[in-house]
Structures are given as structure tokens and as C-alpha cells.
Amino acid sequence: MPALIDTPEAANRLARAIASDLSLYNEAKIKEGIENDTFFTVLTEEIAEGRAHYESRVDKKLVESTNFFDRALVDVILARKGHIKSKIW
């Protein structure tokens, strides 16, 4: 088993990579979620799976003291989908 990630930089990179994969493999769901303001509902399972993967690879103290995964969802997925028509923006 690989060592747990214990630096903020590496944890942030992992969070952003996971969010990027979520975006790549769930484009239709993301579009639907943004259009209908149901992003977190539509992607509940995928986000939970991504979060579980992140938390399994990052030192628990770092997971608890940062919000890298949540920020990555916003920065990597939502911020890049501003072109999708939505009542939320």
C-alpha cells in the first residue's frame, strides 16, 4: 500500500485530479445538474466515490484541516462550466 499523502500541495493536486476525472466521465450529469440546480444530487454517488478515494490516499489530519476536495469540485468542475445556462448564475 502506498504511503499516505502528507503535504498540502500533493493533497490539492490529488483532489483536482479526481475532480477532473469526475468532470471528464460525467459530462451529461454535470450539465443536467447545473441546468436544474441539482448538481450535488445528480452526482451524489460519483462525488462520494471520489471523496472516499481522496480520503483513502490523504493523511487524516490533512483531510480534516483542509477543504481541498470541496474546493476542487467548485474550481475544476463548476467554475469551468459557466457557459451552461442555469438559474444559479
PDB file of N, CA and C in Angstrom:
ATOM      1  N   MET A   1       0.849  -1.179   0.000  1.00  0.00           N
ATOM      2  CA  MET A   1       0.000   0.000   0.000  1.00  0.00           C
ATOM      3  C   MET A   1       0.897   1.245   0.000  1.00  0.00           C
ATOM      4  N   PRO A   2       0.619   2.209  -0.875  1.00  0.00           N
ATOM      5  CA  PRO A   2       1.448   3.421  -0.919  1.00  0.00           C
ATOM      6  C   PRO A   2       1.283   4.258   0.348  1.00  0.00           C
ATOM      7  N   ALA A   3       2.294   5.041   0.641  1.00  0.00           N
ATOM      8  CA  ALA A   3       2.246   5.925   1.808  1.00  0.00           C
ATOM      9  C   ALA A   3       1.157   6.978   1.607  1.00  0.00           C
ATOM     10  N   LEU A   4       0.576   7.425   2.706  1.00  0.00           N
ATOM     11  CA  LEU A   4      -0.450   8.465   2.634  1.00  0.00           C
ATOM     12  C   LEU A   4       0.174   9.802   2.247  1.00  0.00           C
ATOM     13  N   ILE A   5      -0.561  10.565   1.497  1.00  0.00           N
ATOM     14  CA  ILE A   5      -0.127  11.903   1.109  1.00  0.00           C
ATOM     15  C   ILE A   5      -0.161  12.771   2.357  1.00  0.00           C
ATOM     16  N   ASP A   6       0.945  13.481   2.599  1.00  0.00           N
ATOM     17  CA  ASP A   6       1.011  14.279   3.824  1.00  0.00           C
ATOM     18  C   ASP A   6       1.433  15.720   3.595  1.00  0.00           C
ATOM     19  N   THR A   7       1.405  16.166   2.339  1.00  0.00           N
ATOM     20  CA  THR A   7       1.712  17.568   2.066  1.00  0.00           C
ATOM     21  C   THR A   7       0.485  18.227   1.435  1.00  0.00           C
ATOM     22  N   PRO A   8       0.223  19.476   1.792  1.00  0.00           N
ATOM     23  CA  PRO A   8      -0.936  20.165   1.218  1.00  0.00           C
ATOM     24  C   PRO A   8      -0.898  20.227  -0.308  1.00  0.00           C
ATOM     25  N   GLU A   9       0.274  20.439  -0.859  1.00  0.00           N
ATOM     26  CA  GLU A   9       0.396  20.555  -2.321  1.00  0.00           C
ATOM     27  C   GLU A   9      -0.032  19.258  -3.011  1.00  0.00           C
ATOM     28  N   ALA A  10       0.438  18.144  -2.510  1.00  0.00           N
ATOM     29  CA  ALA A  10       0.102  16.858  -3.119  1.00  0.00           C
ATOM     30  C   ALA A  10      -1.375  16.521  -2.912  1.00  0.00           C
ATOM     31  N   ALA A  11      -1.909  16.841  -1.744  1.00  0.00           N
ATOM     32  CA  ALA A  11      -3.330  16.590  -1.476  1.00  0.00           C
ATOM     33  C   ALA A  11      -4.204  17.425  -2.412  1.00  0.00           C
ATOM     34  N   ASN A  12      -3.822  18.668  -2.616  1.00  0.00           N
ATOM     35  CA  ASN A  12      -4.571  19.537  -3.524  1.00  0.00           C
ATOM     36  C   ASN A  12      -4.502  19.013  -4.955  1.00  0.00           C
ATOM     37  N   ARG A  13      -3.337  18.571  -5.377  1.00  0.00           N
ATOM     38  CA  ARG A  13      -3.193  18.004  -6.731  1.00  0.00           C
ATOM     39  C   ARG A  13      -4.089  16.787  -6.904  1.00  0.00           C
ATOM     40  N   LEU A  14      -4.114  15.912  -5.896  1.00  0.00           N
ATOM     41  CA  LEU A  14      -4.960  14.716  -5.979  1.00  0.00           C
ATOM     42  C   LEU A  14      -6.432  15.107  -6.059  1.00  0.00           C
ATOM     43  N   ALA A  15      -6.855  16.031  -5.221  1.00  0.00           N
ATOM     44  CA  ALA A  15      -8.254  16.477  -5.232  1.00  0.00           C
ATOM     45  C   ALA A  15      -8.630  17.015  -6.604  1.00  0.00           C
ATOM     46  N   ARG A  16      -7.758  17.812  -7.193  1.00  0.00           N
ATOM     47  CA  ARG A  16      -8.041  18.397  -8.505  1.00  0.00           C
ATOM     48  C   ARG A  16      -8.044  17.328  -9.604  1.00  0.00           C
ATOM     49  N   ALA A  17      -7.189  16.334  -9.484  1.00  0.00           N
ATOM     50  CA  ALA A  17      -7.168  15.240 -10.465  1.00  0.00           C
ATOM     51  C   ALA A  17      -8.457  14.429 -10.385  1.00  0.00           C
ATOM     52  N   ILE A  18      -8.914  14.161  -9.176  1.00  0.00           N
ATOM     53  CA  ILE A  18     -10.170  13.419  -9.009  1.00  0.00           C
ATOM     54  C   ILE A  18     -11.335  14.228  -9.572  1.00  0.00           C
ATOM     55  N   ALA A  19     -11.384  15.510  -9.279  1.00  0.00           N
ATOM     56  CA  ALA A  19     -12.451  16.364  -9.803  1.00  0.00           C
ATOM     57  C   ALA A  19     -12.401  16.410 -11.333  1.00  0.00           C
ATOM     58  N   SER A  20     -11.209  16.449 -11.880  1.00  0.00           N
ATOM     59  CA  SER A  20     -11.053  16.453 -13.334  1.00  0.00           C
ATOM     60  C   SER A  20     -11.603  15.163 -13.938  1.00  0.00           C
ATOM     61  N   ASP A  21     -11.322  14.033 -13.302  1.00  0.00           N
ATOM     62  CA  ASP A  21     -11.868  12.759 -13.776  1.00  0.00           C
ATOM     63  C   ASP A  21     -13.395  12.746 -13.678  1.00  0.00           C
ATOM     64  N   LEU A  22     -13.925  13.257 -12.580  1.00  0.00           N
ATOM     65  CA  LEU A  22     -15.381  13.344 -12.445  1.00  0.00           C
ATOM     66  C   LEU A  22     -15.974  14.157 -13.585  1.00  0.00           C
ATOM     67  N   SER A  23     -15.340  15.260 -13.904  1.00  0.00           N
ATOM     68  CA  SER A  23     -15.821  16.122 -14.984  1.00  0.00           C
ATOM     69  C   SER A  23     -15.753  15.412 -16.331  1.00  0.00           C
ATOM     70  N   LEU A  24     -14.656  14.735 -16.567  1.00  0.00           N
ATOM     71  CA  LEU A  24     -14.443  14.055 -17.843  1.00  0.00           C
ATOM     72  C   LEU A  24     -15.455  12.939 -18.079  1.00  0.00           C
ATOM     73  N   TYR A  25     -15.744  12.156 -17.044  1.00  0.00           N
ATOM     74  CA  TYR A  25     -16.574  10.970 -17.216  1.00  0.00           C
ATOM     75  C   TYR A  25     -18.058  11.180 -16.910  1.00  0.00           C
ATOM     76  N   ASN A  26     -18.440  12.379 -16.505  1.00  0.00           N
ATOM     77  CA  ASN A  26     -19.833  12.626 -16.129  1.00  0.00           C
ATOM     78  C   ASN A  26     -20.383  13.911 -16.745  1.00  0.00           C
ATOM     79  N   GLU A  27     -19.976  14.231 -17.934  1.00  0.00           N
ATOM     80  CA  GLU A  27     -20.344  15.484 -18.578  1.00  0.00           C
ATOM     81  C   GLU A  27     -21.866  15.683 -18.649  1.00  0.00           C
ATOM     82  N   ALA A  28     -22.595  14.655 -19.052  1.00  0.00           N
ATOM     83  CA  ALA A  28     -24.053  14.796 -19.199  1.00  0.00           C
ATOM     84  C   ALA A  28     -24.720  15.049 -17.850  1.00  0.00           C
ATOM     85  N   LYS A  29     -24.299  14.328 -16.827  1.00  0.00           N
ATOM     86  CA  LYS A  29     -24.876  14.532 -15.496  1.00  0.00           C
ATOM     87  C   LYS A  29     -24.540  15.927 -14.958  1.00  0.00           C
ATOM     88  N   ILE A  30     -23.332  16.368 -15.213  1.00  0.00           N
ATOM     89  CA  ILE A  30     -22.919  17.694 -14.752  1.00  0.00           C
ATOM     90  C   ILE A  30     -23.774  18.761 -15.428  1.00  0.00           C
ATOM     91  N   LYS A  31     -23.956  18.635 -16.716  1.00  0.00           N
ATOM     92  CA  LYS A  31     -24.780  19.598 -17.456  1.00  0.00           C
ATOM     93  C   LYS A  31     -26.202  19.607 -16.905  1.00  0.00           C
ATOM     94  N   GLU A  32     -26.770  18.438 -16.709  1.00  0.00           N
ATOM     95  CA  GLU A  32     -28.121  18.332 -16.156  1.00  0.00           C
ATOM     96  C   GLU A  32     -28.194  18.956 -14.759  1.00  0.00           C
ATOM     97  N   GLY A  33     -27.199  18.655 -13.934  1.00  0.00           N
ATOM     98  CA  GLY A  33     -27.190  19.172 -12.566  1.00  0.00           C
ATOM     99  C   GLY A  33     -27.070  20.678 -12.493  1.00  0.00           C
ATOM    100  N   ILE A  34     -26.276  21.247 -13.377  1.00  0.00           N
ATOM    101  CA  ILE A  34     -26.128  22.705 -13.398  1.00  0.00           C
ATOM    102  C   ILE A  34     -27.402  23.353 -13.934  1.00  0.00           C
ATOM    103  N   GLU A  35     -27.922  22.824 -15.013  1.00  0.00           N
ATOM    104  CA  GLU A  35     -29.137  23.395 -15.604  1.00  0.00           C
ATOM    105  C   GLU A  35     -30.315  23.367 -14.633  1.00  0.00           C
ATOM    106  N   ASN A  36     -30.411  22.324 -13.832  1.00  0.00           N
ATOM    107  CA  ASN A  36     -31.565  22.143 -12.949  1.00  0.00           C
ATOM    108  C   ASN A  36     -31.269  22.453 -11.487  1.00  0.00           C
ATOM    109  N   ASP A  37     -30.089  22.982 -11.217  1.00  0.00           N
ATOM    110  CA  ASP A  37     -29.658  23.278  -9.850  1.00  0.00           C
ATOM    111  C   ASP A  37     -29.753  22.040  -8.956  1.00  0.00           C
ATOM    112  N   THR A  38     -29.313  20.911  -9.509  1.00  0.00           N
ATOM    113  CA  THR A  38     -29.317  19.648  -8.776  1.00  0.00           C
ATOM    114  C   THR A  38     -27.953  18.968  -8.855  1.00  0.00           C
ATOM    115  N   PHE A  39     -26.926  19.759  -9.044  1.00  0.00           N
ATOM    116  CA  PHE A  39     -25.577  19.221  -9.258  1.00  0.00           C
ATOM    117  C   PHE A  39     -25.190  18.184  -8.203  1.00  0.00           C
ATOM    118  N   PHE A  40     -25.305  18.544  -6.932  1.00  0.00           N
ATOM    119  CA  PHE A  40     -24.859  17.652  -5.873  1.00  0.00           C
ATOM    120  C   PHE A  40     -25.776  16.445  -5.707  1.00  0.00           C
ATOM    121  N   THR A  41     -27.029  16.585  -6.072  1.00  0.00           N
ATOM    122  CA  THR A  41     -27.964  15.464  -6.007  1.00  0.00           C
ATOM    123  C   THR A  41     -27.690  14.473  -7.136  1.00  0.00           C
ATOM    124  N   VAL A  42     -27.550  14.996  -8.341  1.00  0.00           N
ATOM    125  CA  VAL A  42     -27.337  14.152  -9.518  1.00  0.00           C
ATOM    126  C   VAL A  42     -26.011  13.392  -9.422  1.00  0.00           C
ATOM    127  N   LEU A  43     -25.022  14.025  -8.816  1.00  0.00           N
ATOM    128  CA  LEU A  43     -23.694  13.408  -8.735  1.00  0.00           C
ATOM    129  C   LEU A  43     -23.362  12.874  -7.340  1.00  0.00           C
ATOM    130  N   THR A  44     -24.360  12.591  -6.544  1.00  0.00           N
ATOM    131  CA  THR A  44     -24.124  12.137  -5.172  1.00  0.00           C
ATOM    132  C   THR A  44     -23.181  10.948  -5.116  1.00  0.00           C
ATOM    133  N   GLU A  45     -23.453   9.922  -5.878  1.00  0.00           N
ATOM    134  CA  GLU A  45     -22.638   8.699  -5.842  1.00  0.00           C
ATOM    135  C   GLU A  45     -21.219   8.954  -6.339  1.00  0.00           C
ATOM    136  N   GLU A  46     -21.098   9.682  -7.439  1.00  0.00           N
ATOM    137  CA  GLU A  46     -19.784   9.937  -8.011  1.00  0.00           C
ATOM    138  C   GLU A  46     -18.935  10.790  -7.073  1.00  0.00           C
ATOM    139  N   ILE A  47     -19.557  11.801  -6.467  1.00  0.00           N
ATOM    140  CA  ILE A  47     -18.815  12.660  -5.539  1.00  0.00           C
ATOM    141  C   ILE A  47     -18.401  11.858  -4.302  1.00  0.00           C
ATOM    142  N   ALA A  48     -19.305  11.027  -3.797  1.00  0.00           N
ATOM    143  CA  ALA A  48     -18.982  10.201  -2.633  1.00  0.00           C
ATOM    144  C   ALA A  48     -17.830   9.243  -2.942  1.00  0.00           C
ATOM    145  N   GLU A  49     -17.851   8.659  -4.113  1.00  0.00           N
ATOM    146  CA  GLU A  49     -16.777   7.751  -4.518  1.00  0.00           C
ATOM    147  C   GLU A  49     -15.453   8.507  -4.640  1.00  0.00           C
ATOM    148  N   GLY A  50     -15.499   9.686  -5.249  1.00  0.00           N
ATOM    149  CA  GLY A  50     -14.288  10.494  -5.377  1.00  0.00           C
ATOM    150  C   GLY A  50     -13.754  10.933  -4.030  1.00  0.00           C
ATOM    151  N   ARG A  51     -14.646  11.338  -3.138  1.00  0.00           N
ATOM    152  CA  ARG A  51     -14.239  11.756  -1.793  1.00  0.00           C
ATOM    153  C   ARG A  51     -13.618  10.579  -1.033  1.00  0.00           C
ATOM    154  N   ALA A  52     -14.228   9.407  -1.147  1.00  0.00           N
ATOM    155  CA  ALA A  52     -13.694   8.222  -0.468  1.00  0.00           C
ATOM    156  C   ALA A  52     -12.293   7.899  -0.974  1.00  0.00           C
ATOM    157  N   HIS A  53     -12.097   8.010  -2.268  1.00  0.00           N
ATOM    158  CA  HIS A  53     -10.766   7.763  -2.838  1.00  0.00           C
ATOM    159  C   HIS A  53      -9.766   8.781  -2.300  1.00  0.00           C
ATOM    160  N   TYR A  54     -10.155  10.048  -2.309  1.00  0.00           N
ATOM    161  CA  TYR A  54      -9.295  11.117  -1.793  1.00  0.00           C
ATOM    162  C   TYR A  54      -8.926  10.835  -0.340  1.00  0.00           C
ATOM    163  N   GLU A  55      -9.918  10.547   0.477  1.00  0.00           N
ATOM    164  CA  GLU A  55      -9.678  10.341   1.901  1.00  0.00           C
ATOM    165  C   GLU A  55      -8.859   9.087   2.179  1.00  0.00           C
ATOM    166  N   SER A  56      -8.916   8.105   1.287  1.00  0.00           N
ATOM    167  CA  SER A  56      -8.124   6.891   1.473  1.00  0.00           C
ATOM    168  C   SER A  56      -6.654   7.106   1.143  1.00  0.00           C
ATOM    169  N   ARG A  57      -6.369   8.154   0.408  1.00  0.00           N
ATOM    170  CA  ARG A  57      -4.990   8.414  -0.033  1.00  0.00           C
ATOM    171  C   ARG A  57      -4.290   9.527   0.732  1.00  0.00           C
ATOM    172  N   VAL A  58      -5.062  10.337   1.487  1.00  0.00           N
ATOM    173  CA  VAL A  58      -4.510  11.519   2.160  1.00  0.00           C
ATOM    174  C   VAL A  58      -4.536  11.307   3.675  1.00  0.00           C
ATOM    175  N   ASP A  59      -3.474  11.751   4.332  1.00  0.00           N
ATOM    176  CA  ASP A  59      -3.392  11.670   5.787  1.00  0.00           C
ATOM    177  C   ASP A  59      -4.632  12.296   6.426  1.00  0.00           C
ATOM    178  N   LYS A  60      -5.196  11.604   7.418  1.00  0.00           N
ATOM    179  CA  LYS A  60      -6.449  12.038   8.048  1.00  0.00           C
ATOM    180  C   LYS A  60      -6.360  13.456   8.603  1.00  0.00           C
ATOM    181  N   LYS A  61      -5.242  13.824   9.190  1.00  0.00           N
ATOM    182  CA  LYS A  61      -5.090  15.176   9.748  1.00  0.00           C
ATOM    183  C   LYS A  61      -5.209  16.232   8.650  1.00  0.00           C
ATOM    184  N   LEU A  62      -4.668  15.948   7.491  1.00  0.00           N
ATOM    185  CA  LEU A  62      -4.732  16.879   6.374  1.00  0.00           C
ATOM    186  C   LEU A  62      -6.153  16.946   5.815  1.00  0.00           C
ATOM    187  N   VAL A  63      -6.824  15.810   5.737  1.00  0.00           N
ATOM    188  CA  VAL A  63      -8.217  15.788   5.270  1.00  0.00           C
ATOM    189  C   VAL A  63      -9.084  16.647   6.181  1.00  0.00           C
ATOM    190  N   GLU A  64      -8.886  16.497   7.481  1.00  0.00           N
ATOM    191  CA  GLU A  64      -9.714  17.207   8.451  1.00  0.00           C
ATOM    192  C   GLU A  64      -9.401  18.702   8.546  1.00  0.00           C
ATOM    193  N   SER A  65      -8.202  19.096   8.171  1.00  0.00           N
ATOM    194  CA  SER A  65      -7.809  20.501   8.328  1.00  0.00           C
ATOM    195  C   SER A  65      -7.880  21.313   7.036  1.00  0.00           C
ATOM    196  N   THR A  66      -8.283  20.689   5.946  1.00  0.00           N
ATOM    197  CA  THR A  66      -8.365  21.394   4.662  1.00  0.00           C
ATOM    198  C   THR A  66      -9.699  21.090   3.980  1.00  0.00           C
ATOM    199  N   ASN A  67      -9.999  21.845   2.945  1.00  0.00           N
ATOM    200  CA  ASN A  67     -11.200  21.575   2.149  1.00  0.00           C
ATOM    201  C   ASN A  67     -10.827  21.429   0.673  1.00  0.00           C
ATOM    202  N   PHE A  68      -9.690  20.820   0.406  1.00  0.00           N
ATOM    203  CA  PHE A  68      -9.203  20.702  -0.964  1.00  0.00           C
ATOM    204  C   PHE A  68     -10.187  19.986  -1.882  1.00  0.00           C
ATOM    205  N   PHE A  69     -10.813  18.929  -1.397  1.00  0.00           N
ATOM    206  CA  PHE A  69     -11.710  18.183  -2.279  1.00  0.00           C
ATOM    207  C   PHE A  69     -12.916  19.034  -2.668  1.00  0.00           C
ATOM    208  N   ASP A  70     -13.539  19.689  -1.684  1.00  0.00           N
ATOM    209  CA  ASP A  70     -14.700  20.535  -1.994  1.00  0.00           C
ATOM    210  C   ASP A  70     -14.322  21.698  -2.906  1.00  0.00           C
ATOM    211  N   ARG A  71     -13.183  22.308  -2.634  1.00  0.00           N
ATOM    212  CA  ARG A  71     -12.726  23.408  -3.498  1.00  0.00           C
ATOM    213  C   ARG A  71     -12.466  22.925  -4.913  1.00  0.00           C
ATOM    214  N   ALA A  72     -11.938  21.731  -5.050  1.00  0.00           N
ATOM    215  CA  ALA A  72     -11.660  21.189  -6.382  1.00  0.00           C
ATOM    216  C   ALA A  72     -12.958  20.989  -7.162  1.00  0.00           C
ATOM    217  N   LEU A  73     -14.006  20.537  -6.490  1.00  0.00           N
ATOM    218  CA  LEU A  73     -15.295  20.382  -7.177  1.00  0.00           C
ATOM    219  C   LEU A  73     -15.752  21.710  -7.765  1.00  0.00           C
ATOM    220  N   VAL A  74     -15.617  22.762  -6.985  1.00  0.00           N
ATOM    221  CA  VAL A  74     -16.037  24.090  -7.441  1.00  0.00           C
ATOM    222  C   VAL A  74     -15.099  24.618  -8.520  1.00  0.00           C
ATOM    223  N   ASP A  75     -13.802  24.588  -8.255  1.00  0.00           N
ATOM    224  CA  ASP A  75     -12.822  25.176  -9.175  1.00  0.00           C
ATOM    225  C   ASP A  75     -12.678  24.399 -10.482  1.00  0.00           C
ATOM    226  N   VAL A  76     -12.653  23.099 -10.397  1.00  0.00           N
ATOM    227  CA  VAL A  76     -12.373  22.275 -11.576  1.00  0.00           C
ATOM    228  C   VAL A  76     -13.642  21.958 -12.366  1.00  0.00           C
ATOM    229  N   ILE A  77     -14.747  21.782 -11.684  1.00  0.00           N
ATOM    230  CA  ILE A  77     -15.972  21.420 -12.407  1.00  0.00           C
ATOM    231  C   ILE A  77     -16.885  22.628 -12.603  1.00  0.00           C
ATOM    232  N   LEU A  78     -17.383  23.173 -11.527  1.00  0.00           N
ATOM    233  CA  LEU A  78     -18.407  24.220 -11.646  1.00  0.00           C
ATOM    234  C   LEU A  78     -17.899  25.496 -12.300  1.00  0.00           C
ATOM    235  N   ALA A  79     -16.753  25.980 -11.900  1.00  0.00           N
ATOM    236  CA  ALA A  79     -16.242  27.235 -12.461  1.00  0.00           C
ATOM    237  C   ALA A  79     -15.977  27.123 -13.956  1.00  0.00           C
ATOM    238  N   ARG A  80     -15.647  25.945 -14.410  1.00  0.00           N
ATOM    239  CA  ARG A  80     -15.353  25.747 -15.838  1.00  0.00           C
ATOM    240  C   ARG A  80     -16.609  25.499 -16.667  1.00  0.00           C
ATOM    241  N   LYS A  81     -17.742  25.397 -16.009  1.00  0.00           N
ATOM    242  CA  LYS A  81     -18.992  25.143 -16.728  1.00  0.00           C
ATOM    243  C   LYS A  81     -19.901  26.367 -16.731  1.00  0.00           C
ATOM    244  N   GLY A  82     -19.328  27.537 -16.575  1.00  0.00           N
ATOM    245  CA  GLY A  82     -20.101  28.771 -16.549  1.00  0.00           C
ATOM    246  C   GLY A  82     -20.866  29.049 -17.828  1.00  0.00           C
ATOM    247  N   HIS A  83     -20.496  28.389 -18.900  1.00  0.00           N
ATOM    248  CA  HIS A  83     -21.181  28.568 -20.178  1.00  0.00           C
ATOM    249  C   HIS A  83     -22.530  27.844 -20.238  1.00  0.00           C
ATOM    250  N   ILE A  84     -22.775  26.949 -19.292  1.00  0.00           N
ATOM    251  CA  ILE A  84     -24.036  26.202 -19.277  1.00  0.00           C
ATOM    252  C   ILE A  84     -25.116  27.095 -18.666  1.00  0.00           C
ATOM    253  N   LYS A  85     -26.200  27.251 -19.384  1.00  0.00           N
ATOM    254  CA  LYS A  85     -27.285  28.106 -18.905  1.00  0.00           C
ATOM    255  C   LYS A  85     -27.876  27.533 -17.628  1.00  0.00           C
ATOM    256  N   SER A  86     -28.000  28.398 -16.629  1.00  0.00           N
ATOM    257  CA  SER A  86     -28.509  27.949 -15.336  1.00  0.00           C
ATOM    258  C   SER A  86     -29.127  29.113 -14.578  1.00  0.00           C
ATOM    259  N   LYS A  87     -30.110  28.806 -13.774  1.00  0.00           N
ATOM    260  CA  LYS A  87     -30.718  29.829 -12.942  1.00  0.00           C
ATOM    261  C   LYS A  87     -29.849  30.156 -11.729  1.00  0.00           C
ATOM    262  N   ILE A  88     -28.823  29.354 -11.476  1.00  0.00           N
ATOM    263  CA  ILE A  88     -27.970  29.613 -10.320  1.00  0.00           C
ATOM    264  C   ILE A  88     -26.889  30.649 -10.602  1.00  0.00           C
ATOM    265  N   TRP A  89     -26.709  31.043 -11.869  1.00  0.00           N
ATOM    266  CA  TRP A  89     -25.795  32.163 -12.152  1.00  0.00           C
ATOM    267  C   TRP A  89     -26.275  33.008 -13.248  1.00  0.00           C
TER     268      TRP A  89
END
